[in-house]
């Protein structure tokens, strides 16, 4: 069976290799942080649109409630008029 000899690398070579790996990891991290920030902006915009939509829905429900109350008053007036006849 053949003996596997370890490759000897100088400390300088190991340092350079480690620095290259570190630089690559930092580049990946920068890209990930950039993508994360972009997604936060998208989330902010989406929640703003959702908030606007909910406020619009709330206004519509309130207007419907007012319309209903107006209709109830009209029905009561008609009932009172019919009762007097």
PDB file of N, CA and C in Angstrom:
ATOM      1  N   UNK A   1       0.852  -1.164   0.000  1.00  0.00           N
ATOM      2  CA  UNK A   1       0.000   0.000   0.000  1.00  0.00           C
ATOM      3  C   UNK A   1       0.897   1.226   0.000  1.00  0.00           C
ATOM      4  N   UNK A   2       0.501   2.231  -0.769  1.00  0.00           N
ATOM      5  CA  UNK A   2       1.316   3.443  -0.895  1.00  0.00           C
ATOM      6  C   UNK A   2       1.094   4.336   0.309  1.00  0.00           C
ATOM      7  N   UNK A   3       2.127   4.982   0.715  1.00  0.00           N
ATOM      8  CA  UNK A   3       2.048   5.904   1.846  1.00  0.00           C
ATOM      9  C   UNK A   3       1.680   7.290   1.327  1.00  0.00           C
ATOM     10  N   UNK A   4       0.715   7.941   1.990  1.00  0.00           N
ATOM     11  CA  UNK A   4       0.305   9.290   1.598  1.00  0.00           C
ATOM     12  C   UNK A   4       1.121  10.267   2.409  1.00  0.00           C
ATOM     13  N   UNK A   5       1.846  11.087   1.698  1.00  0.00           N
ATOM     14  CA  UNK A   5       2.686  12.078   2.362  1.00  0.00           C
ATOM     15  C   UNK A   5       1.935  13.398   2.460  1.00  0.00           C
ATOM     16  N   UNK A   6       1.956  14.033   3.603  1.00  0.00           N
ATOM     17  CA  UNK A   6       1.284  15.334   3.722  1.00  0.00           C
ATOM     18  C   UNK A   6       2.014  16.387   2.899  1.00  0.00           C
ATOM     19  N   UNK A   7       1.221  17.241   2.290  1.00  0.00           N
ATOM     20  CA  UNK A   7       1.818  18.341   1.532  1.00  0.00           C
ATOM     21  C   UNK A   7       2.300  19.382   2.528  1.00  0.00           C
ATOM     22  N   UNK A   8       3.495  19.774   2.352  1.00  0.00           N
ATOM     23  CA  UNK A   8       4.023  20.792   3.260  1.00  0.00           C
ATOM     24  C   UNK A   8       3.824  22.148   2.622  1.00  0.00           C
ATOM     25  N   UNK A   9       3.247  23.011   3.395  1.00  0.00           N
ATOM     26  CA  UNK A   9       3.013  24.371   2.915  1.00  0.00           C
ATOM     27  C   UNK A   9       3.668  25.299   3.909  1.00  0.00           C
ATOM     28  N   UNK A  10       4.187  26.347   3.362  1.00  0.00           N
ATOM     29  CA  UNK A  10       4.836  27.316   4.241  1.00  0.00           C
ATOM     30  C   UNK A  10       3.770  28.105   4.997  1.00  0.00           C
ATOM     31  N   UNK A  11       4.132  28.666   6.131  1.00  0.00           N
ATOM     32  CA  UNK A  11       3.173  29.497   6.866  1.00  0.00           C
ATOM     33  C   UNK A  11       2.635  30.645   6.011  1.00  0.00           C
ATOM     34  N   UNK A  12       3.470  31.191   5.162  1.00  0.00           N
ATOM     35  CA  UNK A  12       3.033  32.281   4.277  1.00  0.00           C
ATOM     36  C   UNK A  12       1.958  31.795   3.312  1.00  0.00           C
ATOM     37  N   UNK A  13       2.143  30.589   2.755  1.00  0.00           N
ATOM     38  CA  UNK A  13       1.137  30.025   1.843  1.00  0.00           C
ATOM     39  C   UNK A  13      -0.182  29.771   2.575  1.00  0.00           C
ATOM     40  N   UNK A  14      -0.100  29.237   3.784  1.00  0.00           N
ATOM     41  CA  UNK A  14      -1.313  28.989   4.564  1.00  0.00           C
ATOM     42  C   UNK A  14      -2.019  30.302   4.893  1.00  0.00           C
ATOM     43  N   UNK A  15      -1.239  31.322   5.236  1.00  0.00           N
ATOM     44  CA  UNK A  15      -1.819  32.630   5.542  1.00  0.00           C
ATOM     45  C   UNK A  15      -2.513  33.208   4.317  1.00  0.00           C
ATOM     46  N   UNK A  16      -1.870  33.129   3.169  1.00  0.00           N
ATOM     47  CA  UNK A  16      -2.476  33.659   1.940  1.00  0.00           C
ATOM     48  C   UNK A  16      -3.761  32.905   1.595  1.00  0.00           C
ATOM     49  N   UNK A  17      -3.745  31.601   1.766  1.00  0.00           N
ATOM     50  CA  UNK A  17      -4.948  30.808   1.492  1.00  0.00           C
ATOM     51  C   UNK A  17      -6.064  31.194   2.458  1.00  0.00           C
ATOM     52  N   UNK A  18      -5.722  31.367   3.721  1.00  0.00           N
ATOM     53  CA  UNK A  18      -6.724  31.763   4.711  1.00  0.00           C
ATOM     54  C   UNK A  18      -7.277  33.144   4.397  1.00  0.00           C
ATOM     55  N   UNK A  19      -6.424  34.053   3.969  1.00  0.00           N
ATOM     56  CA  UNK A  19      -6.882  35.403   3.621  1.00  0.00           C
ATOM     57  C   UNK A  19      -7.799  35.383   2.401  1.00  0.00           C
ATOM     58  N   UNK A  20      -7.489  34.522   1.427  1.00  0.00           N
ATOM     59  CA  UNK A  20      -8.369  34.401   0.254  1.00  0.00           C
ATOM     60  C   UNK A  20      -9.744  33.873   0.674  1.00  0.00           C
ATOM     61  N   UNK A  21      -9.734  32.871   1.549  1.00  0.00           N
ATOM     62  CA  UNK A  21     -11.012  32.334   2.031  1.00  0.00           C
ATOM     63  C   UNK A  21     -11.784  33.379   2.828  1.00  0.00           C
ATOM     64  N   UNK A  22     -11.073  34.150   3.636  1.00  0.00           N
ATOM     65  CA  UNK A  22     -11.714  35.209   4.411  1.00  0.00           C
ATOM     66  C   UNK A  22     -12.313  36.265   3.490  1.00  0.00           C
ATOM     67  N   UNK A  23     -11.567  36.656   2.457  1.00  0.00           N
ATOM     68  CA  UNK A  23     -12.074  37.655   1.507  1.00  0.00           C
ATOM     69  C   UNK A  23     -13.322  37.134   0.796  1.00  0.00           C
ATOM     70  N   UNK A  24     -13.308  35.859   0.423  1.00  0.00           N
ATOM     71  CA  UNK A  24     -14.480  35.272  -0.240  1.00  0.00           C
ATOM     72  C   UNK A  24     -15.672  35.243   0.716  1.00  0.00           C
ATOM     73  N   UNK A  25     -15.426  34.884   1.970  1.00  0.00           N
ATOM     74  CA  UNK A  25     -16.509  34.849   2.957  1.00  0.00           C
ATOM     75  C   UNK A  25     -17.069  36.248   3.203  1.00  0.00           C
ATOM     76  N   UNK A  26     -16.190  37.242   3.242  1.00  0.00           N
ATOM     77  CA  UNK A  26     -16.654  38.620   3.437  1.00  0.00           C
ATOM     78  C   UNK A  26     -17.490  39.087   2.254  1.00  0.00           C
ATOM     79  N   UNK A  27     -17.082  38.716   1.047  1.00  0.00           N
ATOM     80  CA  UNK A  27     -17.854  39.094  -0.141  1.00  0.00           C
ATOM     81  C   UNK A  27     -19.241  38.451  -0.096  1.00  0.00           C
ATOM     82  N   UNK A  28     -19.298  37.186   0.305  1.00  0.00           N
ATOM     83  CA  UNK A  28     -20.596  36.512   0.426  1.00  0.00           C
ATOM     84  C   UNK A  28     -21.456  37.183   1.491  1.00  0.00           C
ATOM     85  N   UNK A  29     -20.818  37.560   2.583  1.00  0.00           N
ATOM     86  CA  UNK A  29     -21.559  38.211   3.665  1.00  0.00           C
ATOM     87  C   UNK A  29     -22.083  39.573   3.220  1.00  0.00           C
ATOM     88  N   UNK A  30     -21.275  40.330   2.486  1.00  0.00           N
ATOM     89  CA  UNK A  30     -21.733  41.625   1.970  1.00  0.00           C
ATOM     90  C   UNK A  30     -22.934  41.441   1.057  1.00  0.00           C
ATOM     91  N   UNK A  31     -22.861  40.439   0.185  1.00  0.00           N
ATOM     92  CA  UNK A  31     -23.982  40.176  -0.727  1.00  0.00           C
ATOM     93  C   UNK A  31     -25.233  39.767   0.054  1.00  0.00           C
ATOM     94  N   UNK A  32     -25.051  38.943   1.078  1.00  0.00           N
ATOM     95  CA  UNK A  32     -26.196  38.502   1.883  1.00  0.00           C
ATOM     96  C   UNK A  32     -26.815  39.671   2.639  1.00  0.00           C
ATOM     97  N   UNK A  33     -25.994  40.538   3.185  1.00  0.00           N
ATOM     98  CA  UNK A  33     -26.512  41.703   3.916  1.00  0.00           C
ATOM     99  C   UNK A  33     -27.231  42.644   2.961  1.00  0.00           C
ATOM    100  N   UNK A  34     -26.681  42.811   1.773  1.00  0.00           N
ATOM    101  CA  UNK A  34     -27.330  43.662   0.775  1.00  0.00           C
ATOM    102  C   UNK A  34     -28.705  43.096   0.395  1.00  0.00           C
ATOM    103  N   UNK A  35     -28.762  41.793   0.176  1.00  0.00           N
ATOM    104  CA  UNK A  35     -30.043  41.160  -0.160  1.00  0.00           C
ATOM    105  C   UNK A  35     -31.023  41.276   1.008  1.00  0.00           C
ATOM    106  N   UNK A  36     -30.521  41.121   2.230  1.00  0.00           N
ATOM    107  CA  UNK A  36     -31.369  41.244   3.419  1.00  0.00           C
ATOM    108  C   UNK A  36     -31.955  42.646   3.511  1.00  0.00           C
ATOM    109  N   UNK A  37     -31.121  43.646   3.288  1.00  0.00           N
ATOM    110  CA  UNK A  37     -31.610  45.031   3.336  1.00  0.00           C
ATOM    111  C   UNK A  37     -32.661  45.272   2.266  1.00  0.00           C
ATOM    112  N   UNK A  38     -32.405  44.761   1.073  1.00  0.00           N
ATOM    113  CA  UNK A  38     -33.371  44.929  -0.014  1.00  0.00           C
ATOM    114  C   UNK A  38     -34.701  44.276   0.359  1.00  0.00           C
ATOM    115  N   UNK A  39     -34.633  43.099   0.966  1.00  0.00           N
ATOM    116  CA  UNK A  39     -35.860  42.426   1.391  1.00  0.00           C
ATOM    117  C   UNK A  39     -36.567  43.198   2.497  1.00  0.00           C
ATOM    118  N   UNK A  40     -35.808  43.849   3.367  1.00  0.00           N
ATOM    119  CA  UNK A  40     -36.433  44.693   4.391  1.00  0.00           C
ATOM    120  C   UNK A  40     -37.182  45.855   3.753  1.00  0.00           C
ATOM    121  N   UNK A  41     -36.602  46.453   2.698  1.00  0.00           N
ATOM    122  CA  UNK A  41     -37.286  47.549   2.004  1.00  0.00           C
ATOM    123  C   UNK A  41     -38.579  47.046   1.361  1.00  0.00           C
ATOM    124  N   UNK A  42     -38.511  45.866   0.752  1.00  0.00           N
ATOM    125  CA  UNK A  42     -39.707  45.281   0.131  1.00  0.00           C
ATOM    126  C   UNK A  42     -40.766  45.007   1.201  1.00  0.00           C
ATOM    127  N   UNK A  43     -40.338  44.469   2.339  1.00  0.00           N
ATOM    128  CA  UNK A  43     -41.268  44.208   3.440  1.00  0.00           C
ATOM    129  C   UNK A  43     -41.889  45.497   3.949  1.00  0.00           C
ATOM    130  N   UNK A  44     -41.064  46.542   4.081  1.00  0.00           N
ATOM    131  CA  UNK A  44     -41.591  47.837   4.536  1.00  0.00           C
ATOM    132  C   UNK A  44     -42.654  48.345   3.570  1.00  0.00           C
ATOM    133  N   UNK A  45     -42.355  48.273   2.272  1.00  0.00           N
ATOM    134  CA  UNK A  45     -43.323  48.744   1.276  1.00  0.00           C
ATOM    135  C   UNK A  45     -44.611  47.919   1.327  1.00  0.00           C
ATOM    136  N   UNK A  46     -44.466  46.615   1.495  1.00  0.00           N
ATOM    137  CA  UNK A  46     -45.647  45.746   1.555  1.00  0.00           C
ATOM    138  C   UNK A  46     -46.494  46.045   2.784  1.00  0.00           C
ATOM    139  N   UNK A  47     -45.840  46.247   3.925  1.00  0.00           N
ATOM    140  CA  UNK A  47     -46.612  46.539   5.136  1.00  0.00           C
ATOM    141  C   UNK A  47     -47.260  47.914   5.057  1.00  0.00           C
ATOM    142  N   UNK A  48     -46.608  48.853   4.382  1.00  0.00           N
ATOM    143  CA  UNK A  48     -47.217  50.173   4.190  1.00  0.00           C
ATOM    144  C   UNK A  48     -48.472  50.051   3.330  1.00  0.00           C
ATOM    145  N   UNK A  49     -48.380  49.262   2.254  1.00  0.00           N
ATOM    146  CA  UNK A  49     -49.551  49.050   1.400  1.00  0.00           C
ATOM    147  C   UNK A  49     -50.659  48.339   2.168  1.00  0.00           C
ATOM    148  N   UNK A  50     -50.283  47.354   2.981  1.00  0.00           N
ATOM    149  CA  UNK A  50     -51.277  46.650   3.786  1.00  0.00           C
ATOM    150  C   UNK A  50     -51.947  47.600   4.769  1.00  0.00           C
ATOM    151  N   UNK A  51     -51.155  48.453   5.401  1.00  0.00           N
ATOM    152  CA  UNK A  51     -51.715  49.419   6.350  1.00  0.00           C
ATOM    153  C   UNK A  51     -52.694  50.357   5.646  1.00  0.00           C
ATOM    154  N   UNK A  52     -52.310  50.847   4.465  1.00  0.00           N
ATOM    155  CA  UNK A  52     -53.209  51.714   3.705  1.00  0.00           C
ATOM    156  C   UNK A  52     -54.502  50.982   3.351  1.00  0.00           C
ATOM    157  N   UNK A  53     -54.371  49.718   2.973  1.00  0.00           N
ATOM    158  CA  UNK A  53     -55.541  48.923   2.617  1.00  0.00           C
ATOM    159  C   UNK A  53     -56.455  48.721   3.822  1.00  0.00           C
ATOM    160  N   UNK A  54     -55.869  48.425   4.971  1.00  0.00           N
ATOM    161  CA  UNK A  54     -56.667  48.228   6.186  1.00  0.00           C
ATOM    162  C   UNK A  54     -57.365  49.525   6.581  1.00  0.00           C
ATOM    163  N   UNK A  55     -56.658  50.649   6.463  1.00  0.00           N
ATOM    164  CA  UNK A  55     -57.292  51.936   6.779  1.00  0.00           C
ATOM    165  C   UNK A  55     -58.456  52.211   5.823  1.00  0.00           C
ATOM    166  N   UNK A  56     -58.262  51.900   4.542  1.00  0.00           N
ATOM    167  CA  UNK A  56     -59.346  52.068   3.574  1.00  0.00           C
ATOM    168  C   UNK A  56     -60.535  51.179   3.901  1.00  0.00           C
ATOM    169  N   UNK A  57     -60.252  49.936   4.278  1.00  0.00           N
ATOM    170  CA  UNK A  57     -61.316  49.016   4.661  1.00  0.00           C
ATOM    171  C   UNK A  57     -62.044  49.547   5.896  1.00  0.00           C
ATOM    172  N   UNK A  58     -61.292  50.046   6.847  1.00  0.00           N
ATOM    173  CA  UNK A  58     -61.900  50.593   8.072  1.00  0.00           C
ATOM    174  C   UNK A  58     -62.820  51.764   7.734  1.00  0.00           C
ATOM    175  N   UNK A  59     -62.366  52.650   6.849  1.00  0.00           N
ATOM    176  CA  UNK A  59     -63.211  53.780   6.441  1.00  0.00           C
ATOM    177  C   UNK A  59     -64.476  53.285   5.738  1.00  0.00           C
ATOM    178  N   UNK A  60     -64.332  52.259   4.900  1.00  0.00           N
ATOM    179  CA  UNK A  60     -65.497  51.723   4.185  1.00  0.00           C
ATOM    180  C   UNK A  60     -66.493  51.099   5.157  1.00  0.00           C
ATOM    181  N   UNK A  61     -65.999  50.379   6.148  1.00  0.00           N
ATOM    182  CA  UNK A  61     -66.887  49.775   7.147  1.00  0.00           C
ATOM    183  C   UNK A  61     -67.597  50.865   7.946  1.00  0.00           C
ATOM    184  N   UNK A  62     -66.867  51.908   8.314  1.00  0.00           N
ATOM    185  CA  UNK A  62     -67.477  53.014   9.062  1.00  0.00           C
ATOM    186  C   UNK A  62     -68.554  53.695   8.225  1.00  0.00           C
ATOM    187  N   UNK A  63     -68.277  53.907   6.936  1.00  0.00           N
ATOM    188  CA  UNK A  63     -69.266  54.540   6.054  1.00  0.00           C
ATOM    189  C   UNK A  63     -70.494  53.644   5.908  1.00  0.00           C
ATOM    190  N   UNK A  64     -70.274  52.344   5.805  1.00  0.00           N
ATOM    191  CA  UNK A  64     -71.399  51.409   5.715  1.00  0.00           C
ATOM    192  C   UNK A  64     -72.235  51.456   6.989  1.00  0.00           C
ATOM    193  N   UNK A  65     -71.573  51.557   8.129  1.00  0.00           N
ATOM    194  CA  UNK A  65     -72.297  51.679   9.402  1.00  0.00           C
ATOM    195  C   UNK A  65     -73.146  52.933   9.447  1.00  0.00           C
ATOM    196  N   UNK A  66     -72.587  54.037   8.957  1.00  0.00           N
ATOM    197  CA  UNK A  66     -73.365  55.290   8.925  1.00  0.00           C
ATOM    198  C   UNK A  66     -74.548  55.160   7.972  1.00  0.00           C
ATOM    199  N   UNK A  67     -74.321  54.549   6.815  1.00  0.00           N
ATOM    200  CA  UNK A  67     -75.414  54.345   5.856  1.00  0.00           C
ATOM    201  C   UNK A  67     -76.506  53.455   6.452  1.00  0.00           C
ATOM    202  N   UNK A  68     -76.094  52.440   7.178  1.00  0.00           N
ATOM    203  CA  UNK A  68     -77.062  51.560   7.826  1.00  0.00           C
ATOM    204  C   UNK A  68     -77.893  52.307   8.852  1.00  0.00           C
ATOM    205  N   UNK A  69     -77.246  53.145   9.636  1.00  0.00           N
ATOM    206  CA  UNK A  69     -77.967  53.926  10.648  1.00  0.00           C
ATOM    207  C   UNK A  69     -78.954  54.882   9.980  1.00  0.00           C
ATOM    208  N   UNK A  70     -78.555  55.479   8.871  1.00  0.00           N
ATOM    209  CA  UNK A  70     -79.459  56.363   8.122  1.00  0.00           C
ATOM    210  C   UNK A  70     -80.659  55.572   7.604  1.00  0.00           C
ATOM    211  N   UNK A  71     -80.404  54.368   7.096  1.00  0.00           N
ATOM    212  CA  UNK A  71     -81.495  53.527   6.596  1.00  0.00           C
ATOM    213  C   UNK A  71     -82.426  53.119   7.739  1.00  0.00           C
ATOM    214  N   UNK A  72     -81.871  52.788   8.898  1.00  0.00           N
ATOM    215  CA  UNK A  72     -82.706  52.432  10.061  1.00  0.00           C
ATOM    216  C   UNK A  72     -83.608  53.599  10.459  1.00  0.00           C
ATOM    217  N   UNK A  73     -83.042  54.790  10.473  1.00  0.00           N
ATOM    218  CA  UNK A  73     -83.839  55.973  10.819  1.00  0.00           C
ATOM    219  C   UNK A  73     -84.960  56.180   9.810  1.00  0.00           C
ATOM    220  N   UNK A  74     -84.649  55.953   8.524  1.00  0.00           N
ATOM    221  CA  UNK A  74     -85.681  56.098   7.493  1.00  0.00           C
ATOM    222  C   UNK A  74     -86.787  55.066   7.693  1.00  0.00           C
ATOM    223  N   UNK A  75     -86.412  53.837   8.042  1.00  0.00           N
ATOM    224  CA  UNK A  75     -87.407  52.785   8.287  1.00  0.00           C
ATOM    225  C   UNK A  75     -88.283  53.159   9.475  1.00  0.00           C
ATOM    226  N   UNK A  76     -87.676  53.653  10.545  1.00  0.00           N
ATOM    227  CA  UNK A  76     -88.455  54.058  11.728  1.00  0.00           C
ATOM    228  C   UNK A  76     -89.423  55.190  11.389  1.00  0.00           C
ATOM    229  N   UNK A  77     -88.950  56.135  10.584  1.00  0.00           N
ATOM    230  CA  UNK A  77     -89.819  57.245  10.172  1.00  0.00           C
ATOM    231  C   UNK A  77     -90.992  56.718   9.354  1.00  0.00           C
ATOM    232  N   UNK A  78     -90.708  55.814   8.424  1.00  0.00           N
ATOM    233  CA  UNK A  78     -91.781  55.235   7.609  1.00  0.00           C
ATOM    234  C   UNK A  78     -92.754  54.426   8.467  1.00  0.00           C
ATOM    235  N   UNK A  79     -92.218  53.674   9.435  1.00  0.00           N
ATOM    236  CA  UNK A  79     -93.094  52.908  10.327  1.00  0.00           C
ATOM    237  C   UNK A  79     -94.000  53.838  11.129  1.00  0.00           C
ATOM    238  N   UNK A  80     -93.422  54.942  11.619  1.00  0.00           N
ATOM    239  CA  UNK A  80     -94.220  55.903  12.400  1.00  0.00           C
ATOM    240  C   UNK A  80     -95.288  56.535  11.522  1.00  0.00           C
ATOM    241  N   UNK A  81     -94.927  56.869  10.286  1.00  0.00           N
ATOM    242  CA  UNK A  81     -95.894  57.461   9.355  1.00  0.00           C
ATOM    243  C   UNK A  81     -97.001  56.456   9.051  1.00  0.00           C
ATOM    244  N   UNK A  82     -96.621  55.198   8.819  1.00  0.00           N
ATOM    245  CA  UNK A  82     -97.624  54.162   8.517  1.00  0.00           C
ATOM    246  C   UNK A  82     -98.531  53.928   9.717  1.00  0.00           C
ATOM    247  N   UNK A  83     -97.994  53.997  10.914  1.00  0.00           N
ATOM    248  CA  UNK A  83     -98.805  53.778  12.120  1.00  0.00           C
ATOM    249  C   UNK A  83     -99.826  54.890  12.303  1.00  0.00           C
ATOM    250  N   UNK A  84     -99.491  56.108  11.889  1.00  0.00           N
ATOM    251  CA  UNK A  84    -100.429  57.233  12.033  1.00  0.00           C
ATOM    252  C   UNK A  84    -101.547  57.168  11.001  1.00  0.00           C
ATOM    253  N   UNK A  85    -101.362  56.438   9.953  1.00  0.00           N
ATOM    254  CA  UNK A  85    -102.383  56.401   8.889  1.00  0.00           C
ATOM    255  C   UNK A  85    -103.500  55.471   9.197  1.00  0.00           C
TER     256      UNK A  85
END
